[in-house]
Amino acid sequence: MRLIGHLTDESLARTFADFLYVQGIENHVEQETGTSWGIWINDEDKIERATGLLSAFRENPKDAKYRRESKAATQLRDNEEQAQEAYRERLRNRRHLFRPLTAYGFGPLTFLMILASVAVFALSDFGNHQRALMALFMTDYTGGVFSRTLPEIRHGEVWRLFTPIFYHYDIMHIVFNMLWLKDLGSMIEGRQSSIHLLVLTLLVAAGSNLAQFYLGGPWFSLGGPTFGGMSGVVYGLLGYIWIRGKMDPASGLFLHPNTVIMMMIWFVVCFTGWVGDIANAAHAGGLLIGLACGWLTSLRHR
């Protein structure tokens, strides 16, 4: 940066500064002492040219071309500001695109679902008294008699389609599901919204519960506990994030391949029966619904 000279009138100094700006010479004006205004040039390579223009200006500062260029400078600055704003907008969009690089926190809806699951777990005496909360299940199986037509739901108890997901049977069951729900649910809330998670959870919960009910009945085994738990939803969220992230990277959803492999291995192990009674139809139904939702929602972003 170099001082190339002074002008004694601020108005003239500003007019000349605008003229230089239109000529592509970046500069700024500073008051030096009294009525003296210094003209500073930013680019060393343009000092010689700017000095010559200053000499010409001093000879005829009232030349109409300087006034015209002063008006043009205003428009030029406006255009530059618009270009800068467009750049900042692109930068914000780029940050949005790469949101997976940032933390997404603990989603509020995810927290409420975990809280509800823990509350139900406590009210059921840690999964030991299913009958006390029979209103949460798909149908009342008291006495071992039930109807596959789901009369309670048909008569308005529609919450039964969803509420089995909140019932867990032991500490490992709820801990495992809640840890996965925290990560997967919070990711969807952080990258998309709580509404996205709510709609997806309702779809997966209803679908996976119906799949388990019609393929496996209201309980795991004769005389055993009625099915429940968040694992069908967890597999649905897994499938959704996996496919949506692969087909629409800008969504910000991502799962490491090792995570997917581990969950699919567990999925297969559950079908072998080695780990006891498992609501496998709920797992499969939830996973398929999640995969379908991930694929369908990604189509409008391709």
Protein backbone atom coordinates (compact mmCIF):
# COMPACT_ATOMS: atom_id res chain seq x y z
CA MET A 1 0.00 0.00 0.00
CA ARG A 2 1.36 3.40 -1.00
CA LEU A 3 0.34 7.04 -0.55
CA ILE A 4 0.37 8.73 -3.96
CA GLY A 5 -0.67 12.26 -2.99
CA HIS A 6 -3.17 14.54 -1.31
CA LEU A 7 -6.24 16.55 -2.22
CA THR A 8 -7.46 19.45 -0.14
CA ASP A 9 -11.18 18.84 -0.61
CA GLU A 10 -12.94 15.73 0.74
CA SER A 11 -15.55 15.75 -2.02
CA LEU A 12 -12.87 15.86 -4.70
CA ALA A 13 -10.92 13.12 -2.92
CA ARG A 14 -13.99 10.87 -2.84
CA THR A 15 -14.77 11.58 -6.49
CA PHE A 16 -11.22 10.70 -7.53
CA ALA A 17 -11.28 7.57 -5.37
CA ASP A 18 -14.46 6.46 -7.17
CA PHE A 19 -12.81 7.17 -10.50
CA LEU A 20 -9.81 5.00 -9.57
CA TYR A 21 -12.14 2.22 -8.39
CA VAL A 22 -13.92 2.12 -11.75
CA GLN A 23 -10.51 1.92 -13.44
CA GLY A 24 -9.82 -1.22 -11.44
CA ILE A 25 -7.46 0.43 -8.93
CA GLU A 26 -8.32 -0.45 -5.34
CA ASN A 27 -7.75 2.48 -2.99
CA HIS A 28 -8.92 4.26 0.08
CA VAL A 29 -9.02 7.85 1.30
CA GLU A 30 -7.80 9.01 4.69
CA GLN A 31 -7.85 12.44 6.29
CA GLU A 32 -4.29 13.36 7.06
CA THR A 33 -4.13 16.79 8.73
CA GLY A 34 -6.61 19.60 8.65
CA THR A 35 -8.22 19.65 5.20
CA SER A 36 -5.66 17.35 3.58
CA TRP A 37 -6.97 13.97 2.28
CA GLY A 38 -4.49 11.27 1.37
CA ILE A 39 -5.02 8.88 -1.54
CA TRP A 40 -3.70 5.40 -0.78
CA ILE A 41 -3.28 2.70 -3.42
CA ASN A 42 -3.57 -0.95 -2.38
CA ASP A 43 -1.71 -2.57 -5.27
CA GLU A 44 1.95 -1.59 -5.65
CA ASP A 45 1.88 -2.49 -9.36
CA LYS A 46 -0.74 0.17 -10.05
CA ILE A 47 0.93 3.05 -8.28
CA GLU A 48 2.53 4.55 -11.38
CA ARG A 49 -0.76 4.53 -13.30
CA ALA A 50 -2.66 5.96 -10.35
CA THR A 51 -0.10 8.74 -9.92
CA GLY A 52 -0.56 9.75 -13.56
CA LEU A 53 -4.35 9.77 -13.18
CA LEU A 54 -4.02 11.94 -10.07
CA SER A 55 -1.94 14.47 -11.97
CA ALA A 56 -4.58 14.62 -14.73
CA PHE A 57 -7.35 15.01 -12.16
CA ARG A 58 -5.60 17.93 -10.49
CA GLU A 59 -5.43 19.73 -13.83
CA ASN A 60 -9.20 19.50 -14.42
CA PRO A 61 -11.06 18.09 -11.38
CA LYS A 62 -14.41 19.34 -12.72
CA ASP A 63 -14.26 17.28 -15.90
CA ALA A 64 -17.66 15.60 -16.38
CA LYS A 65 -16.07 12.16 -16.81
CA TYR A 66 -15.10 12.11 -13.13
CA ARG A 67 -18.71 12.68 -12.07
CA ARG A 68 -19.91 9.96 -14.45
CA GLU A 69 -17.36 7.50 -13.10
CA SER A 70 -18.36 8.38 -9.55
CA LYS A 71 -21.94 7.29 -10.30
CA ALA A 72 -20.67 4.16 -12.00
CA ALA A 73 -18.63 3.31 -8.91
CA THR A 74 -21.78 3.20 -6.81
CA GLN A 75 -23.35 0.66 -9.17
CA LEU A 76 -20.12 -1.30 -9.33
CA ARG A 77 -19.93 -1.54 -5.54
CA ASP A 78 -23.55 -2.68 -5.39
CA ASN A 79 -22.81 -5.40 -7.93
CA GLU A 80 -19.75 -6.47 -5.98
CA GLU A 81 -21.76 -6.67 -2.76
CA GLN A 82 -24.34 -8.85 -4.50
CA ALA A 83 -21.58 -11.10 -5.79
CA GLN A 84 -20.14 -11.36 -2.28
CA GLU A 85 -23.55 -12.26 -0.87
CA ALA A 86 -23.97 -14.95 -3.53
CA TYR A 87 -20.57 -16.33 -2.57
CA ARG A 88 -21.50 -16.36 1.11
CA GLU A 89 -24.71 -18.20 0.24
CA ARG A 90 -22.78 -20.82 -1.72
CA LEU A 91 -20.44 -21.17 1.25
CA ARG A 92 -23.39 -21.72 3.58
CA ASN A 93 -24.78 -24.35 1.20
CA ARG A 94 -21.40 -26.07 1.07
CA ARG A 95 -21.32 -26.19 4.85
CA HIS A 96 -24.79 -27.72 4.75
CA LEU A 97 -23.62 -30.32 2.24
CA PHE A 98 -20.78 -31.40 4.48
CA ARG A 99 -22.72 -31.35 7.74
CA PRO A 100 -21.62 -34.92 8.48
CA LEU A 101 -18.31 -33.38 9.59
CA THR A 102 -20.07 -31.62 12.46
CA ALA A 103 -21.70 -32.90 15.65
CA TYR A 104 -25.46 -33.34 15.62
CA GLY A 105 -26.10 -33.52 19.37
CA PHE A 106 -28.96 -35.27 21.15
CA GLY A 107 -32.25 -34.93 19.26
CA PRO A 108 -35.24 -33.78 21.38
CA LEU A 109 -37.67 -36.32 19.92
CA THR A 110 -35.06 -39.05 20.33
CA PHE A 111 -34.70 -38.06 23.96
CA LEU A 112 -38.48 -38.19 24.50
CA MET A 113 -38.70 -41.67 22.95
CA ILE A 114 -35.89 -42.89 25.20
CA LEU A 115 -37.58 -41.29 28.21
CA ALA A 116 -40.90 -42.99 27.33
CA SER A 117 -39.17 -46.36 26.95
CA VAL A 118 -37.43 -46.02 30.30
CA ALA A 119 -40.68 -44.95 31.98
CA VAL A 120 -42.56 -47.96 30.57
CA PHE A 121 -39.68 -50.23 31.60
CA ALA A 122 -39.96 -48.96 35.18
CA LEU A 123 -43.77 -49.18 35.27
CA SER A 124 -43.61 -52.79 34.06
CA ASP A 125 -41.29 -53.69 36.92
CA PHE A 126 -38.39 -53.98 34.49
CA GLY A 127 -40.30 -56.05 31.97
CA ASN A 128 -41.72 -58.56 34.43
CA HIS A 129 -45.40 -57.52 34.37
CA GLN A 130 -46.67 -57.33 30.81
CA ARG A 131 -50.31 -57.64 31.83
CA ALA A 132 -50.15 -54.40 33.83
CA LEU A 133 -49.55 -52.51 30.58
CA MET A 134 -51.65 -54.61 28.21
CA ALA A 135 -53.10 -51.41 26.68
CA LEU A 136 -49.73 -50.79 25.01
CA PHE A 137 -49.74 -54.02 22.98
CA MET A 138 -51.32 -54.79 19.61
CA THR A 139 -54.14 -56.74 21.23
CA ASP A 140 -55.19 -58.11 24.60
CA TYR A 141 -53.88 -61.66 24.81
CA THR A 142 -55.12 -62.30 28.37
CA GLY A 143 -55.99 -65.97 28.79
CA GLY A 144 -54.15 -66.93 25.62
CA VAL A 145 -57.10 -65.92 23.41
CA PHE A 146 -56.79 -63.19 20.80
CA SER A 147 -58.25 -62.15 17.48
CA ARG A 148 -56.14 -61.58 14.40
CA THR A 149 -58.60 -58.92 13.31
CA LEU A 150 -57.21 -56.58 16.00
CA PRO A 151 -60.58 -55.55 17.43
CA GLU A 152 -59.12 -52.99 19.84
CA ILE A 153 -57.48 -51.07 17.00
CA ARG A 154 -60.58 -51.35 14.84
CA HIS A 155 -62.59 -49.81 17.66
CA GLY A 156 -60.38 -46.74 17.96
CA GLU A 157 -57.37 -47.76 20.04
CA VAL A 158 -55.05 -46.87 17.16
CA TRP A 159 -52.12 -46.15 19.49
CA ARG A 160 -51.67 -49.92 19.80
CA LEU A 161 -50.14 -49.88 16.31
CA PHE A 162 -47.17 -47.94 17.68
CA THR A 163 -46.85 -48.34 21.47
CA PRO A 164 -45.36 -51.87 21.55
CA ILE A 165 -42.05 -50.24 20.66
CA PHE A 166 -41.81 -48.74 24.15
CA TYR A 167 -42.01 -52.07 25.99
CA HIS A 168 -38.72 -53.87 26.82
CA TYR A 169 -38.12 -57.11 28.69
CA ASP A 170 -34.77 -56.83 30.43
CA ILE A 171 -31.93 -54.42 31.01
CA MET A 172 -29.84 -55.59 28.05
CA HIS A 173 -32.83 -55.32 25.74
CA ILE A 174 -33.53 -51.69 26.58
CA VAL A 175 -29.88 -50.59 26.85
CA PHE A 176 -28.98 -52.04 23.45
CA ASN A 177 -32.00 -50.46 21.75
CA MET A 178 -31.65 -47.08 23.45
CA LEU A 179 -27.98 -46.72 22.52
CA TRP A 180 -28.80 -47.33 18.86
CA LEU A 181 -31.85 -45.09 18.99
CA LYS A 182 -29.80 -42.25 20.45
CA ASP A 183 -27.26 -42.34 17.62
CA LEU A 184 -29.57 -43.05 14.68
CA GLY A 185 -32.50 -40.92 15.81
CA SER A 186 -30.32 -37.95 16.74
CA MET A 187 -28.56 -38.13 13.37
CA ILE A 188 -31.85 -37.86 11.50
CA GLU A 189 -33.02 -35.00 13.72
CA GLY A 190 -29.71 -33.18 13.41
CA ARG A 191 -29.36 -33.61 9.64
CA GLN A 192 -33.03 -33.28 8.73
CA SER A 193 -35.66 -32.56 11.40
CA SER A 194 -37.68 -33.97 14.26
CA ILE A 195 -40.69 -34.16 11.92
CA HIS A 196 -38.70 -36.43 9.59
CA LEU A 197 -37.88 -38.71 12.49
CA LEU A 198 -41.46 -38.71 13.81
CA VAL A 199 -43.00 -39.67 10.46
CA LEU A 200 -40.37 -42.33 9.82
CA THR A 201 -40.77 -43.78 13.33
CA LEU A 202 -44.55 -44.00 12.98
CA LEU A 203 -44.31 -45.72 9.60
CA VAL A 204 -41.67 -48.19 10.76
CA ALA A 205 -43.33 -48.87 14.11
CA ALA A 206 -46.74 -49.63 12.59
CA GLY A 207 -45.27 -51.69 9.76
CA SER A 208 -42.88 -53.72 11.88
CA ASN A 209 -45.50 -54.37 14.58
CA LEU A 210 -48.04 -55.56 12.02
CA ALA A 211 -45.42 -57.77 10.39
CA GLN A 212 -44.57 -59.40 13.70
CA PHE A 213 -48.21 -59.79 14.72
CA TYR A 214 -49.33 -61.52 11.53
CA LEU A 215 -46.20 -63.60 11.02
CA GLY A 216 -45.49 -64.51 14.63
CA GLY A 217 -48.63 -63.84 16.64
CA PRO A 218 -48.98 -61.49 19.63
CA TRP A 219 -46.31 -63.31 21.65
CA PHE A 220 -42.88 -64.79 21.01
CA SER A 221 -43.84 -68.32 22.00
CA LEU A 222 -46.92 -69.97 23.47
CA GLY A 223 -47.34 -68.74 27.00
CA GLY A 224 -44.40 -66.39 26.64
CA PRO A 225 -44.38 -62.58 26.67
CA THR A 226 -46.04 -60.52 23.98
CA PHE A 227 -43.58 -58.94 21.56
CA GLY A 228 -42.29 -55.42 21.98
CA GLY A 229 -39.20 -53.24 21.87
CA MET A 230 -37.56 -50.57 19.77
CA SER A 231 -35.42 -52.91 17.66
CA GLY A 232 -37.81 -52.90 14.68
CA VAL A 233 -37.61 -49.10 14.63
CA VAL A 234 -33.83 -49.22 15.09
CA TYR A 235 -33.48 -51.45 12.01
CA GLY A 236 -35.82 -49.14 10.12
CA LEU A 237 -33.71 -46.09 10.98
CA LEU A 238 -30.58 -48.03 10.04
CA GLY A 239 -31.99 -48.94 6.65
CA TYR A 240 -33.21 -45.40 6.01
CA ILE A 241 -29.89 -43.73 6.88
CA TRP A 242 -27.89 -46.32 4.96
CA ILE A 243 -29.77 -45.99 1.66
CA ARG A 244 -30.52 -42.26 1.89
CA GLY A 245 -26.87 -41.52 2.65
CA LYS A 246 -25.63 -43.59 -0.30
CA MET A 247 -28.11 -42.18 -2.83
CA ASP A 248 -28.21 -38.58 -1.53
CA PRO A 249 -24.87 -37.60 0.06
CA ALA A 250 -26.10 -34.00 0.48
CA SER A 251 -28.60 -35.27 3.07
CA GLY A 252 -25.72 -35.48 5.56
CA LEU A 253 -26.71 -39.01 6.59
CA PHE A 254 -23.89 -41.54 6.76
CA LEU A 255 -23.16 -44.94 8.26
CA HIS A 256 -19.75 -46.54 8.29
CA PRO A 257 -19.82 -49.83 6.34
CA ASN A 258 -18.59 -51.68 9.42
CA THR A 259 -21.65 -50.49 11.33
CA VAL A 260 -23.97 -51.83 8.67
CA ILE A 261 -22.09 -55.15 8.52
CA MET A 262 -22.23 -55.57 12.29
CA MET A 263 -25.97 -54.89 12.44
CA MET A 264 -26.67 -57.26 9.55
CA ILE A 265 -24.65 -60.01 11.23
CA TRP A 266 -26.76 -59.54 14.36
CA PHE A 267 -29.88 -59.58 12.17
CA VAL A 268 -28.92 -63.01 10.81
CA VAL A 269 -27.86 -64.35 14.22
CA CYS A 270 -31.27 -63.48 15.64
CA PHE A 271 -32.92 -65.63 12.96
CA THR A 272 -30.87 -68.66 14.05
CA GLY A 273 -32.55 -68.73 17.45
CA TRP A 274 -29.21 -68.82 19.30
CA VAL A 275 -30.14 -65.74 21.33
CA GLY A 276 -33.64 -66.87 22.33
CA ASP A 277 -37.04 -65.54 21.31
CA ILE A 278 -36.59 -62.53 19.02
CA ALA A 279 -39.20 -60.56 17.08
CA ASN A 280 -37.49 -61.32 13.78
CA ALA A 281 -40.45 -60.32 11.65
CA ALA A 282 -40.38 -56.89 13.31
CA HIS A 283 -36.66 -56.60 12.52
CA ALA A 284 -37.21 -57.61 8.89
CA GLY A 285 -40.30 -55.46 8.44
CA GLY A 286 -38.64 -52.41 9.98
CA LEU A 287 -35.52 -52.83 7.88
CA LEU A 288 -37.49 -53.17 4.63
CA ILE A 289 -39.65 -50.13 5.40
CA GLY A 290 -36.57 -48.07 6.30
CA LEU A 291 -34.79 -49.07 3.08
CA ALA A 292 -37.88 -48.21 1.03
CA CYS A 293 -38.28 -44.80 2.73
CA GLY A 294 -34.60 -44.01 2.19
CA TRP A 295 -34.82 -44.90 -1.50
CA LEU A 296 -38.10 -43.08 -2.16
CA THR A 297 -37.12 -39.86 -0.37
CA SER A 298 -33.79 -39.73 -2.18
CA LEU A 299 -35.41 -39.75 -5.63
CA ARG A 300 -36.42 -36.09 -5.51
CA HIS A 301 -32.84 -35.06 -4.69
CA ARG A 302 -31.12 -36.92 -7.52
